Amino acid sequence: MARGDILDDAKEIINGGRVDNYGKPEDNFKLIAQLWTTYTGTFINEHDVAMMMCLLKIARAKTGVGTRDSYVDLAGYCALACDIKESTHGM
């Protein structure tokens, strides 16, 4: 397997099937941000959600239990974080 395969898989996921199942990531992250803000009492935005999901995947990998899917998801969340940042704040 080539290194780029992980990136290709992440690209397929964030632009394909999961959008059909869960809707646009930005919309989903906005809802998650609202729920997490209410729960924690600390303002959280969509970019924060994407970054915290990256941290979740990093934590899974660090435990030694991280699977290939964890790395694919990490790449996807990282791409979404960048996209959200660019669309809301410019880069």
PDB file of N, CA and C in Angstrom:
ATOM      1  N   MET A   1       0.837  -1.176   0.000  1.00  0.00           N
ATOM      2  CA  MET A   1       0.000   0.000   0.000  1.00  0.00           C
ATOM      3  C   MET A   1       0.888   1.248   0.000  1.00  0.00           C
ATOM      4  N   ALA A   2       0.547   2.189  -0.832  1.00  0.00           N
ATOM      5  CA  ALA A   2       1.293   3.437  -0.923  1.00  0.00           C
ATOM      6  C   ALA A   2       0.797   4.427   0.130  1.00  0.00           C
ATOM      7  N   ARG A   3       1.680   5.302   0.561  1.00  0.00           N
ATOM      8  CA  ARG A   3       1.318   6.311   1.565  1.00  0.00           C
ATOM      9  C   ARG A   3       0.126   7.144   1.123  1.00  0.00           C
ATOM     10  N   GLY A   4       0.090   7.454  -0.144  1.00  0.00           N
ATOM     11  CA  GLY A   4      -0.993   8.280  -0.664  1.00  0.00           C
ATOM     12  C   GLY A   4      -2.356   7.628  -0.578  1.00  0.00           C
ATOM     13  N   ASP A   5      -2.380   6.307  -0.414  1.00  0.00           N
ATOM     14  CA  ASP A   5      -3.664   5.606  -0.324  1.00  0.00           C
ATOM     15  C   ASP A   5      -4.474   6.083   0.876  1.00  0.00           C
ATOM     16  N   ILE A   6      -3.807   6.393   1.972  1.00  0.00           N
ATOM     17  CA  ILE A   6      -4.514   6.889   3.156  1.00  0.00           C
ATOM     18  C   ILE A   6      -5.182   8.224   2.832  1.00  0.00           C
ATOM     19  N   LEU A   7      -4.462   9.091   2.141  1.00  0.00           N
ATOM     20  CA  LEU A   7      -5.025  10.385   1.758  1.00  0.00           C
ATOM     21  C   LEU A   7      -6.162  10.218   0.757  1.00  0.00           C
ATOM     22  N   ASP A   8      -5.996   9.294  -0.175  1.00  0.00           N
ATOM     23  CA  ASP A   8      -7.069   9.024  -1.142  1.00  0.00           C
ATOM     24  C   ASP A   8      -8.318   8.518  -0.431  1.00  0.00           C
ATOM     25  N   ASP A   9      -8.140   7.616   0.526  1.00  0.00           N
ATOM     26  CA  ASP A   9      -9.281   7.094   1.281  1.00  0.00           C
ATOM     27  C   ASP A   9      -9.959   8.202   2.079  1.00  0.00           C
ATOM     28  N   ALA A  10      -9.156   9.055   2.703  1.00  0.00           N
ATOM     29  CA  ALA A  10      -9.726  10.167   3.481  1.00  0.00           C
ATOM     30  C   ALA A  10     -10.522  11.095   2.567  1.00  0.00           C
ATOM     31  N   LYS A  11      -9.973  11.371   1.399  1.00  0.00           N
ATOM     32  CA  LYS A  11     -10.654  12.242   0.429  1.00  0.00           C
ATOM     33  C   LYS A  11     -11.997  11.648   0.017  1.00  0.00           C
ATOM     34  N   GLU A  12     -11.998  10.349  -0.235  1.00  0.00           N
ATOM     35  CA  GLU A  12     -13.236   9.661  -0.618  1.00  0.00           C
ATOM     36  C   GLU A  12     -14.285   9.763   0.494  1.00  0.00           C
ATOM     37  N   ILE A  13     -13.841   9.599   1.725  1.00  0.00           N
ATOM     38  CA  ILE A  13     -14.773   9.621   2.858  1.00  0.00           C
ATOM     39  C   ILE A  13     -15.364  11.008   3.062  1.00  0.00           C
ATOM     40  N   ILE A  14     -14.510  12.042   3.076  1.00  0.00           N
ATOM     41  CA  ILE A  14     -15.032  13.374   3.398  1.00  0.00           C
ATOM     42  C   ILE A  14     -15.803  14.002   2.242  1.00  0.00           C
ATOM     43  N   ASN A  15     -15.642  13.458   1.043  1.00  0.00           N
ATOM     44  CA  ASN A  15     -16.379  13.981  -0.108  1.00  0.00           C
ATOM     45  C   ASN A  15     -17.450  13.025  -0.607  1.00  0.00           C
ATOM     46  N   GLY A  16     -17.550  11.856   0.012  1.00  0.00           N
ATOM     47  CA  GLY A  16     -18.437  10.839  -0.537  1.00  0.00           C
ATOM     48  C   GLY A  16     -19.473  10.325   0.427  1.00  0.00           C
ATOM     49  N   GLY A  17     -19.351   9.042   0.743  1.00  0.00           N
ATOM     50  CA  GLY A  17     -20.374   8.300   1.469  1.00  0.00           C
ATOM     51  C   GLY A  17     -20.850   8.899   2.776  1.00  0.00           C
ATOM     52  N   ARG A  18     -19.950   9.438   3.554  1.00  0.00           N
ATOM     53  CA  ARG A  18     -20.383   9.987   4.841  1.00  0.00           C
ATOM     54  C   ARG A  18     -21.244  11.224   4.675  1.00  0.00           C
ATOM     55  N   VAL A  19     -21.031  11.962   3.601  1.00  0.00           N
ATOM     56  CA  VAL A  19     -21.885  13.115   3.330  1.00  0.00           C
ATOM     57  C   VAL A  19     -23.310  12.633   3.089  1.00  0.00           C
ATOM     58  N   ASP A  20     -23.451  11.516   2.371  1.00  0.00           N
ATOM     59  CA  ASP A  20     -24.774  10.947   2.120  1.00  0.00           C
ATOM     60  C   ASP A  20     -25.436  10.491   3.416  1.00  0.00           C
ATOM     61  N   ASN A  21     -24.645   9.953   4.348  1.00  0.00           N
ATOM     62  CA  ASN A  21     -25.193   9.430   5.597  1.00  0.00           C
ATOM     63  C   ASN A  21     -25.437  10.505   6.652  1.00  0.00           C
ATOM     64  N   TYR A  22     -24.522  11.468   6.751  1.00  0.00           N
ATOM     65  CA  TYR A  22     -24.557  12.422   7.856  1.00  0.00           C
ATOM     66  C   TYR A  22     -24.753  13.864   7.438  1.00  0.00           C
ATOM     67  N   GLY A  23     -24.773  14.146   6.163  1.00  0.00           N
ATOM     68  CA  GLY A  23     -24.879  15.526   5.701  1.00  0.00           C
ATOM     69  C   GLY A  23     -23.502  16.166   5.602  1.00  0.00           C
ATOM     70  N   LYS A  24     -23.495  17.448   5.290  1.00  0.00           N
ATOM     71  CA  LYS A  24     -22.239  18.169   5.130  1.00  0.00           C
ATOM     72  C   LYS A  24     -21.506  18.229   6.474  1.00  0.00           C
ATOM     73  N   PRO A  25     -20.196  17.968   6.458  1.00  0.00           N
ATOM     74  CA  PRO A  25     -19.440  18.002   7.716  1.00  0.00           C
ATOM     75  C   PRO A  25     -19.571  19.334   8.451  1.00  0.00           C
ATOM     76  N   GLU A  26     -19.574  20.442   7.693  1.00  0.00           N
ATOM     77  CA  GLU A  26     -19.683  21.758   8.328  1.00  0.00           C
ATOM     78  C   GLU A  26     -20.971  21.880   9.143  1.00  0.00           C
ATOM     79  N   ASP A  27     -22.060  21.374   8.594  1.00  0.00           N
ATOM     80  CA  ASP A  27     -23.342  21.424   9.304  1.00  0.00           C
ATOM     81  C   ASP A  27     -23.308  20.531  10.541  1.00  0.00           C
ATOM     82  N   ASN A  28     -22.744  19.346  10.386  1.00  0.00           N
ATOM     83  CA  ASN A  28     -22.644  18.412  11.500  1.00  0.00           C
ATOM     84  C   ASN A  28     -21.748  18.979  12.604  1.00  0.00           C
ATOM     85  N   PHE A  29     -20.618  19.568  12.209  1.00  0.00           N
ATOM     86  CA  PHE A  29     -19.701  20.143  13.196  1.00  0.00           C
ATOM     87  C   PHE A  29     -20.329  21.342  13.898  1.00  0.00           C
ATOM     88  N   LYS A  30     -21.165  22.096  13.188  1.00  0.00           N
ATOM     89  CA  LYS A  30     -21.850  23.238  13.810  1.00  0.00           C
ATOM     90  C   LYS A  30     -22.782  22.746  14.919  1.00  0.00           C
ATOM     91  N   LEU A  31     -23.532  21.679  14.642  1.00  0.00           N
ATOM     92  CA  LEU A  31     -24.417  21.112  15.653  1.00  0.00           C
ATOM     93  C   LEU A  31     -23.615  20.561  16.834  1.00  0.00           C
ATOM     94  N   ILE A  32     -22.536  19.834  16.536  1.00  0.00           N
ATOM     95  CA  ILE A  32     -21.679  19.302  17.597  1.00  0.00           C
ATOM     96  C   ILE A  32     -21.124  20.444  18.436  1.00  0.00           C
ATOM     97  N   ALA A  33     -20.675  21.518  17.782  1.00  0.00           N
ATOM     98  CA  ALA A  33     -20.126  22.674  18.498  1.00  0.00           C
ATOM     99  C   ALA A  33     -21.165  23.270  19.438  1.00  0.00           C
ATOM    100  N   GLN A  34     -22.399  23.377  18.986  1.00  0.00           N
ATOM    101  CA  GLN A  34     -23.463  23.915  19.846  1.00  0.00           C
ATOM    102  C   GLN A  34     -23.703  23.015  21.056  1.00  0.00           C
ATOM    103  N   LEU A  35     -23.743  21.714  20.814  1.00  0.00           N
ATOM    104  CA  LEU A  35     -23.967  20.768  21.914  1.00  0.00           C
ATOM    105  C   LEU A  35     -22.807  20.785  22.907  1.00  0.00           C
ATOM    106  N   TRP A  36     -21.568  20.783  22.389  1.00  0.00           N
ATOM    107  CA  TRP A  36     -20.394  20.802  23.262  1.00  0.00           C
ATOM    108  C   TRP A  36     -20.307  22.121  24.025  1.00  0.00           C
ATOM    109  N   THR A  37     -20.690  23.230  23.387  1.00  0.00           N
ATOM    110  CA  THR A  37     -20.695  24.524  24.069  1.00  0.00           C
ATOM    111  C   THR A  37     -21.668  24.492  25.239  1.00  0.00           C
ATOM    112  N   THR A  38     -22.853  23.976  25.001  1.00  0.00           N
ATOM    113  CA  THR A  38     -23.855  23.871  26.073  1.00  0.00           C
ATOM    114  C   THR A  38     -23.360  22.961  27.186  1.00  0.00           C
ATOM    115  N   TYR A  39     -22.810  21.833  26.821  1.00  0.00           N
ATOM    116  CA  TYR A  39     -22.354  20.849  27.799  1.00  0.00           C
ATOM    117  C   TYR A  39     -21.188  21.363  28.635  1.00  0.00           C
ATOM    118  N   THR A  40     -20.210  22.004  27.984  1.00  0.00           N
ATOM    119  CA  THR A  40     -19.004  22.438  28.701  1.00  0.00           C
ATOM    120  C   THR A  40     -19.117  23.831  29.293  1.00  0.00           C
ATOM    121  N   GLY A  41     -20.043  24.647  28.776  1.00  0.00           N
ATOM    122  CA  GLY A  41     -20.128  26.033  29.219  1.00  0.00           C
ATOM    123  C   GLY A  41     -19.011  26.890  28.642  1.00  0.00           C
ATOM    124  N   THR A  42     -18.295  26.367  27.655  1.00  0.00           N
ATOM    125  CA  THR A  42     -17.200  27.073  26.985  1.00  0.00           C
ATOM    126  C   THR A  42     -17.520  27.107  25.497  1.00  0.00           C
ATOM    127  N   PHE A  43     -17.362  28.290  24.886  1.00  0.00           N
ATOM    128  CA  PHE A  43     -17.676  28.406  23.462  1.00  0.00           C
ATOM    129  C   PHE A  43     -16.755  27.517  22.636  1.00  0.00           C
ATOM    130  N   ILE A  44     -17.360  26.728  21.766  1.00  0.00           N
ATOM    131  CA  ILE A  44     -16.646  25.833  20.849  1.00  0.00           C
ATOM    132  C   ILE A  44     -17.221  26.073  19.463  1.00  0.00           C
ATOM    133  N   ASN A  45     -16.353  26.226  18.469  1.00  0.00           N
ATOM    134  CA  ASN A  45     -16.832  26.423  17.099  1.00  0.00           C
ATOM    135  C   ASN A  45     -16.537  25.183  16.245  1.00  0.00           C
ATOM    136  N   GLU A  46     -16.927  25.266  14.978  1.00  0.00           N
ATOM    137  CA  GLU A  46     -16.775  24.119  14.084  1.00  0.00           C
ATOM    138  C   GLU A  46     -15.314  23.718  13.903  1.00  0.00           C
ATOM    139  N   HIS A  47     -14.434  24.701  13.836  1.00  0.00           N
ATOM    140  CA  HIS A  47     -13.012  24.403  13.689  1.00  0.00           C
ATOM    141  C   HIS A  47     -12.507  23.669  14.926  1.00  0.00           C
ATOM    142  N   ASP A  48     -12.941  24.109  16.103  1.00  0.00           N
ATOM    143  CA  ASP A  48     -12.560  23.424  17.343  1.00  0.00           C
ATOM    144  C   ASP A  48     -12.995  21.960  17.311  1.00  0.00           C
ATOM    145  N   VAL A  49     -14.200  21.715  16.808  1.00  0.00           N
ATOM    146  CA  VAL A  49     -14.701  20.340  16.723  1.00  0.00           C
ATOM    147  C   VAL A  49     -13.780  19.495  15.853  1.00  0.00           C
ATOM    148  N   ALA A  50     -13.437  20.010  14.679  1.00  0.00           N
ATOM    149  CA  ALA A  50     -12.559  19.254  13.780  1.00  0.00           C
ATOM    150  C   ALA A  50     -11.212  18.976  14.447  1.00  0.00           C
ATOM    151  N   MET A  51     -10.649  19.989  15.110  1.00  0.00           N
ATOM    152  CA  MET A  51      -9.357  19.819  15.763  1.00  0.00           C
ATOM    153  C   MET A  51      -9.442  18.831  16.932  1.00  0.00           C
ATOM    154  N   MET A  52     -10.525  18.874  17.692  1.00  0.00           N
ATOM    155  CA  MET A  52     -10.673  17.940  18.809  1.00  0.00           C
ATOM    156  C   MET A  52     -10.899  16.509  18.317  1.00  0.00           C
ATOM    157  N   MET A  53     -11.546  16.365  17.158  1.00  0.00           N
ATOM    158  CA  MET A  53     -11.681  15.037  16.582  1.00  0.00           C
ATOM    159  C   MET A  53     -10.317  14.521  16.131  1.00  0.00           C
ATOM    160  N   CYS A  54      -9.447  15.420  15.643  1.00  0.00           N
ATOM    161  CA  CYS A  54      -8.062  15.023  15.329  1.00  0.00           C
ATOM    162  C   CYS A  54      -7.383  14.506  16.596  1.00  0.00           C
ATOM    163  N   LEU A  55      -7.563  15.227  17.695  1.00  0.00           N
ATOM    164  CA  LEU A  55      -6.943  14.813  18.966  1.00  0.00           C
ATOM    165  C   LEU A  55      -7.475  13.460  19.429  1.00  0.00           C
ATOM    166  N   LEU A  56      -8.758  13.208  19.209  1.00  0.00           N
ATOM    167  CA  LEU A  56      -9.330  11.908  19.557  1.00  0.00           C
ATOM    168  C   LEU A  56      -8.631  10.796  18.783  1.00  0.00           C
ATOM    169  N   LYS A  57      -8.419  11.009  17.491  1.00  0.00           N
ATOM    170  CA  LYS A  57      -7.755   9.996  16.666  1.00  0.00           C
ATOM    171  C   LYS A  57      -6.290   9.831  17.072  1.00  0.00           C
ATOM    172  N   ILE A  58      -5.635  10.927  17.442  1.00  0.00           N
ATOM    173  CA  ILE A  58      -4.256  10.851  17.928  1.00  0.00           C
ATOM    174  C   ILE A  58      -4.199  10.058  19.228  1.00  0.00           C
ATOM    175  N   ALA A  59      -5.148  10.291  20.115  1.00  0.00           N
ATOM    176  CA  ALA A  59      -5.192   9.553  21.382  1.00  0.00           C
ATOM    177  C   ALA A  59      -5.377   8.059  21.127  1.00  0.00           C
ATOM    178  N   ARG A  60      -6.235   7.711  20.178  1.00  0.00           N
ATOM    179  CA  ARG A  60      -6.434   6.290  19.863  1.00  0.00           C
ATOM    180  C   ARG A  60      -5.156   5.665  19.333  1.00  0.00           C
ATOM    181  N   ALA A  61      -4.463   6.393  18.456  1.00  0.00           N
ATOM    182  CA  ALA A  61      -3.207   5.868  17.909  1.00  0.00           C
ATOM    183  C   ALA A  61      -2.158   5.722  19.007  1.00  0.00           C
ATOM    184  N   LYS A  62      -2.142   6.669  19.950  1.00  0.00           N
ATOM    185  CA  LYS A  62      -1.155   6.646  21.022  1.00  0.00           C
ATOM    186  C   LYS A  62      -1.359   5.459  21.956  1.00  0.00           C
ATOM    187  N   THR A  63      -2.579   5.010  22.116  1.00  0.00           N
ATOM    188  CA  THR A  63      -2.845   3.874  23.000  1.00  0.00           C
ATOM    189  C   THR A  63      -2.334   2.571  22.407  1.00  0.00           C
ATOM    190  N   GLY A  64      -1.957   2.618  21.136  1.00  0.00           N
ATOM    191  CA  GLY A  64      -1.495   1.405  20.474  1.00  0.00           C
ATOM    192  C   GLY A  64      -2.623   0.624  19.847  1.00  0.00           C
ATOM    193  N   VAL A  65      -3.845   1.133  19.991  1.00  0.00           N
ATOM    194  CA  VAL A  65      -5.005   0.442  19.450  1.00  0.00           C
ATOM    195  C   VAL A  65      -5.468   1.083  18.140  1.00  0.00           C
ATOM    196  N   GLY A  66      -4.852   2.182  17.775  1.00  0.00           N
ATOM    197  CA  GLY A  66      -5.256   2.872  16.558  1.00  0.00           C
ATOM    198  C   GLY A  66      -5.126   1.968  15.342  1.00  0.00           C
ATOM    199  N   THR A  67      -6.151   1.941  14.549  1.00  0.00           N
ATOM    200  CA  THR A  67      -6.158   1.137  13.333  1.00  0.00           C
ATOM    201  C   THR A  67      -5.865   2.034  12.127  1.00  0.00           C
ATOM    202  N   ARG A  68      -5.749   1.425  10.991  1.00  0.00           N
ATOM    203  CA  ARG A  68      -5.561   2.204   9.766  1.00  0.00           C
ATOM    204  C   ARG A  68      -6.674   3.230   9.625  1.00  0.00           C
ATOM    205  N   ASP A  69      -7.891   2.827   9.971  1.00  0.00           N
ATOM    206  CA  ASP A  69      -9.029   3.742   9.888  1.00  0.00           C
ATOM    207  C   ASP A  69      -8.816   4.994  10.735  1.00  0.00           C
ATOM    208  N   SER A  70      -8.154   4.842  11.881  1.00  0.00           N
ATOM    209  CA  SER A  70      -7.881   6.000  12.728  1.00  0.00           C
ATOM    210  C   SER A  70      -7.012   7.014  11.992  1.00  0.00           C
ATOM    211  N   TYR A  71      -6.034   6.528  11.245  1.00  0.00           N
ATOM    212  CA  TYR A  71      -5.152   7.420  10.493  1.00  0.00           C
ATOM    213  C   TYR A  71      -5.874   8.040   9.299  1.00  0.00           C
ATOM    214  N   VAL A  72      -6.728   7.273   8.651  1.00  0.00           N
ATOM    215  CA  VAL A  72      -7.531   7.801   7.549  1.00  0.00           C
ATOM    216  C   VAL A  72      -8.448   8.897   8.087  1.00  0.00           C
ATOM    217  N   ASP A  73      -9.123   8.614   9.194  1.00  0.00           N
ATOM    218  CA  ASP A  73     -10.013   9.603   9.791  1.00  0.00           C
ATOM    219  C   ASP A  73      -9.248  10.852  10.220  1.00  0.00           C
ATOM    220  N   LEU A  74      -8.068  10.669  10.787  1.00  0.00           N
ATOM    221  CA  LEU A  74      -7.242  11.802  11.202  1.00  0.00           C
ATOM    222  C   LEU A  74      -6.938  12.699   9.996  1.00  0.00           C
ATOM    223  N   ALA A  75      -6.546  12.104   8.889  1.00  0.00           N
ATOM    224  CA  ALA A  75      -6.265  12.885   7.678  1.00  0.00           C
ATOM    225  C   ALA A  75      -7.522  13.624   7.218  1.00  0.00           C
ATOM    226  N   GLY A  76      -8.663  12.961   7.298  1.00  0.00           N
ATOM    227  CA  GLY A  76      -9.919  13.590   6.898  1.00  0.00           C
ATOM    228  C   GLY A  76     -10.299  14.744   7.798  1.00  0.00           C
ATOM    229  N   TYR A  77     -10.204  14.546   9.113  1.00  0.00           N
ATOM    230  CA  TYR A  77     -10.529  15.623  10.048  1.00  0.00           C
ATOM    231  C   TYR A  77      -9.581  16.803   9.879  1.00  0.00           C
ATOM    232  N   CYS A  78      -8.315  16.529   9.615  1.00  0.00           N
ATOM    233  CA  CYS A  78      -7.336  17.588   9.397  1.00  0.00           C
ATOM    234  C   CYS A  78      -7.706  18.406   8.154  1.00  0.00           C
ATOM    235  N   ALA A  79      -8.086  17.735   7.089  1.00  0.00           N
ATOM    236  CA  ALA A  79      -8.491  18.429   5.864  1.00  0.00           C
ATOM    237  C   ALA A  79      -9.739  19.268   6.106  1.00  0.00           C
ATOM    238  N   LEU A  80     -10.695  18.714   6.852  1.00  0.00           N
ATOM    239  CA  LEU A  80     -11.915  19.462   7.153  1.00  0.00           C
ATOM    240  C   LEU A  80     -11.607  20.680   8.024  1.00  0.00           C
ATOM    241  N   ALA A  81     -10.704  20.523   8.992  1.00  0.00           N
ATOM    242  CA  ALA A  81     -10.320  21.647   9.850  1.00  0.00           C
ATOM    243  C   ALA A  81      -9.745  22.780   9.012  1.00  0.00           C
ATOM    244  N   CYS A  82      -8.875  22.442   8.089  1.00  0.00           N
ATOM    245  CA  CYS A  82      -8.270  23.450   7.218  1.00  0.00           C
ATOM    246  C   CYS A  82      -9.334  24.112   6.350  1.00  0.00           C
ATOM    247  N   ASP A  83     -10.230  23.324   5.795  1.00  0.00           N
ATOM    248  CA  ASP A  83     -11.289  23.855   4.946  1.00  0.00           C
ATOM    249  C   ASP A  83     -12.181  24.817   5.726  1.00  0.00           C
ATOM    250  N   ILE A  84     -12.558  24.427   6.935  1.00  0.00           N
ATOM    251  CA  ILE A  84     -13.399  25.283   7.776  1.00  0.00           C
ATOM    252  C   ILE A  84     -12.665  26.579   8.115  1.00  0.00           C
ATOM    253  N   LYS A  85     -11.402  26.462   8.483  1.00  0.00           N
ATOM    254  CA  LYS A  85     -10.593  27.639   8.827  1.00  0.00           C
ATOM    255  C   LYS A  85     -10.511  28.589   7.641  1.00  0.00           C
ATOM    256  N   GLU A  86     -10.235  28.046   6.459  1.00  0.00           N
ATOM    257  CA  GLU A  86     -10.128  28.882   5.264  1.00  0.00           C
ATOM    258  C   GLU A  86     -11.441  29.556   4.922  1.00  0.00           C
ATOM    259  N   SER A  87     -12.545  28.831   5.100  1.00  0.00           N
ATOM    260  CA  SER A  87     -13.843  29.398   4.714  1.00  0.00           C
ATOM    261  C   SER A  87     -14.371  30.413   5.723  1.00  0.00           C
ATOM    262  N   THR A  88     -13.910  30.325   6.970  1.00  0.00           N
ATOM    263  CA  THR A  88     -14.420  31.264   7.978  1.00  0.00           C
ATOM    264  C   THR A  88     -13.458  32.398   8.299  1.00  0.00           C
ATOM    265  N   HIS A  89     -12.162  32.148   8.161  1.00  0.00           N
ATOM    266  CA  HIS A  89     -11.182  33.161   8.554  1.00  0.00           C
ATOM    267  C   HIS A  89     -10.171  33.489   7.469  1.00  0.00           C
ATOM    268  N   GLY A  90     -10.160  32.741   6.408  1.00  0.00           N
ATOM    269  CA  GLY A  90      -9.115  32.916   5.392  1.00  0.00           C
ATOM    270  C   GLY A  90      -7.778  32.450   5.931  1.00  0.00           C
ATOM    271  N   MET A  91      -6.881  32.109   5.071  1.00  0.00           N
ATOM    272  CA  MET A  91      -5.558  31.655   5.512  1.00  0.00           C
ATOM    273  C   MET A  91      -4.502  32.200   4.589  1.00  0.00           C
TER     274      MET A  91
END
